[in-house]
């Protein structure tokens, strides 16, 4: 009889331990997912948003660098397409998608007019 009581107590303890272990495992998985979100996903979305804003502000006369590493001057912007002139050769005009723009250097006159508006 005593052995039956001892076995019942150990079975109850084992069941309670398994429930605690499962809760800890679920908490651990959720904590890892939250960590991954704040370390990888959120900064990438923030950077993508900044690049989209940068590409939306492209105007004719801006100097750009493409994802291929070519420098050029924007001649015209039509929807998602920009016409870029590369180098000193005035005949080298290439239409390209806005997503191919890696960096934008604004025209000096435009920057000065923005600075004067702020003051």
Protein backbone atom coordinates (compact mmCIF):
# COMPACT_ATOMS: atom_id res chain seq x y z
CA UNK A 1 0.00 0.00 0.00
CA UNK A 2 2.80 2.35 0.87
CA UNK A 3 4.48 1.67 -2.46
CA UNK A 4 1.25 2.49 -4.31
CA UNK A 5 1.05 5.87 -2.55
CA UNK A 6 4.69 6.62 -3.35
CA UNK A 7 4.14 5.72 -7.02
CA UNK A 8 1.07 7.99 -7.20
CA UNK A 9 3.06 10.89 -5.73
CA UNK A 10 5.92 10.44 -8.22
CA UNK A 11 3.44 10.26 -11.15
CA UNK A 12 1.84 13.55 -10.04
CA UNK A 13 5.26 15.21 -9.72
CA UNK A 14 6.30 13.99 -13.16
CA UNK A 15 3.08 15.32 -14.73
CA UNK A 16 3.53 18.73 -13.08
CA UNK A 17 7.15 18.85 -14.23
CA UNK A 18 6.17 18.10 -17.82
CA UNK A 19 3.66 20.96 -17.82
CA UNK A 20 6.26 23.37 -16.49
CA UNK A 21 8.78 22.20 -19.09
CA UNK A 22 6.25 22.72 -21.89
CA UNK A 23 5.44 26.25 -20.70
CA UNK A 24 9.14 27.09 -20.55
CA UNK A 25 9.67 25.73 -24.07
CA UNK A 26 6.80 27.79 -25.47
CA UNK A 27 8.08 30.90 -23.68
CA UNK A 28 11.59 30.24 -25.05
CA UNK A 29 10.31 29.92 -28.64
CA UNK A 30 8.24 33.12 -28.34
CA UNK A 31 11.24 34.98 -26.87
CA UNK A 32 13.43 33.87 -29.78
CA UNK A 33 10.79 34.99 -32.31
CA UNK A 34 10.51 38.43 -30.65
CA UNK A 35 14.31 38.75 -30.62
CA UNK A 36 14.51 37.83 -34.32
CA UNK A 37 11.84 40.41 -35.15
CA UNK A 38 13.64 43.27 -33.38
CA UNK A 39 17.11 42.32 -34.62
CA UNK A 40 16.44 41.34 -38.25
CA UNK A 41 12.97 42.15 -39.56
CA UNK A 42 12.26 45.59 -38.05
CA UNK A 43 15.56 47.25 -39.11
CA UNK A 44 15.19 45.85 -42.62
CA UNK A 45 11.66 47.27 -42.94
CA UNK A 46 12.90 50.63 -41.64
CA UNK A 47 15.73 50.70 -44.19
CA UNK A 48 13.35 49.71 -46.99
CA UNK A 49 10.99 52.53 -46.03
CA UNK A 50 13.87 55.05 -46.12
CA UNK A 51 14.96 53.82 -49.56
CA UNK A 52 11.38 54.08 -50.88
CA UNK A 53 11.14 57.67 -49.61
CA UNK A 54 14.52 58.46 -51.20
CA UNK A 55 13.42 57.04 -54.56
CA UNK A 56 10.13 58.95 -54.41
CA UNK A 57 12.00 62.26 -54.03
CA UNK A 58 14.10 61.80 -57.19
CA UNK A 59 13.75 64.81 -59.49
CA UNK A 60 15.35 65.80 -62.80
CA UNK A 61 18.84 67.18 -62.24
CA UNK A 62 19.66 64.92 -59.28
CA UNK A 63 22.92 62.97 -59.38
CA UNK A 64 22.38 59.28 -58.66
CA UNK A 65 24.35 56.10 -58.26
CA UNK A 66 22.75 52.90 -59.52
CA UNK A 67 22.91 49.51 -57.87
CA UNK A 68 25.42 48.56 -60.56
CA UNK A 69 27.75 51.36 -59.42
CA UNK A 70 27.19 53.75 -62.34
CA UNK A 71 26.90 57.49 -61.68
CA UNK A 72 24.52 59.58 -63.72
CA UNK A 73 22.15 62.54 -63.84
CA UNK A 74 18.38 62.13 -63.88
CA UNK A 75 16.81 63.73 -66.95
CA UNK A 76 13.18 62.72 -66.55
CA UNK A 77 10.94 60.82 -64.12
CA UNK A 78 7.86 58.95 -65.36
CA UNK A 79 5.99 56.81 -62.82
CA UNK A 80 8.48 54.06 -61.81
CA UNK A 81 10.91 54.79 -64.64
CA UNK A 82 13.72 57.35 -64.71
CA UNK A 83 15.80 58.40 -67.70
CA UNK A 84 19.43 58.73 -66.69
CA UNK A 85 22.32 60.28 -68.60
CA UNK A 86 25.67 58.63 -67.92
CA UNK A 87 29.10 60.24 -68.36
CA UNK A 88 30.03 63.17 -70.57
CA UNK A 89 28.50 61.60 -73.65
CA UNK A 90 25.15 63.33 -74.14
CA UNK A 91 23.91 60.45 -76.27
CA UNK A 92 24.09 57.89 -73.46
CA UNK A 93 20.58 58.11 -72.02
CA UNK A 94 19.14 54.98 -70.47
CA UNK A 95 15.67 54.42 -69.01
CA UNK A 96 15.75 52.40 -65.81
CA UNK A 97 13.44 51.39 -62.99
CA UNK A 98 13.51 53.48 -59.79
CA UNK A 99 14.47 50.39 -57.77
CA UNK A 100 17.88 50.44 -59.51
CA UNK A 101 18.77 53.68 -57.68
CA UNK A 102 21.10 53.10 -54.72
CA UNK A 103 21.99 56.69 -53.73
CA UNK A 104 20.70 60.15 -54.57
CA UNK A 105 22.67 63.39 -54.38
CA UNK A 106 20.32 66.35 -54.60
CA UNK A 107 20.98 69.34 -56.83
CA UNK A 108 22.77 72.16 -54.92
CA UNK A 109 20.18 74.80 -55.85
CA UNK A 110 17.38 72.63 -54.51
CA UNK A 111 19.21 72.09 -51.20
CA UNK A 112 19.81 75.84 -50.83
CA UNK A 113 16.14 76.61 -51.44
CA UNK A 114 15.13 74.07 -48.79
CA UNK A 115 17.56 75.60 -46.31
CA UNK A 116 16.20 79.10 -46.95
CA UNK A 117 12.62 77.86 -46.43
CA UNK A 118 13.55 76.38 -43.07
CA UNK A 119 14.97 79.72 -41.83
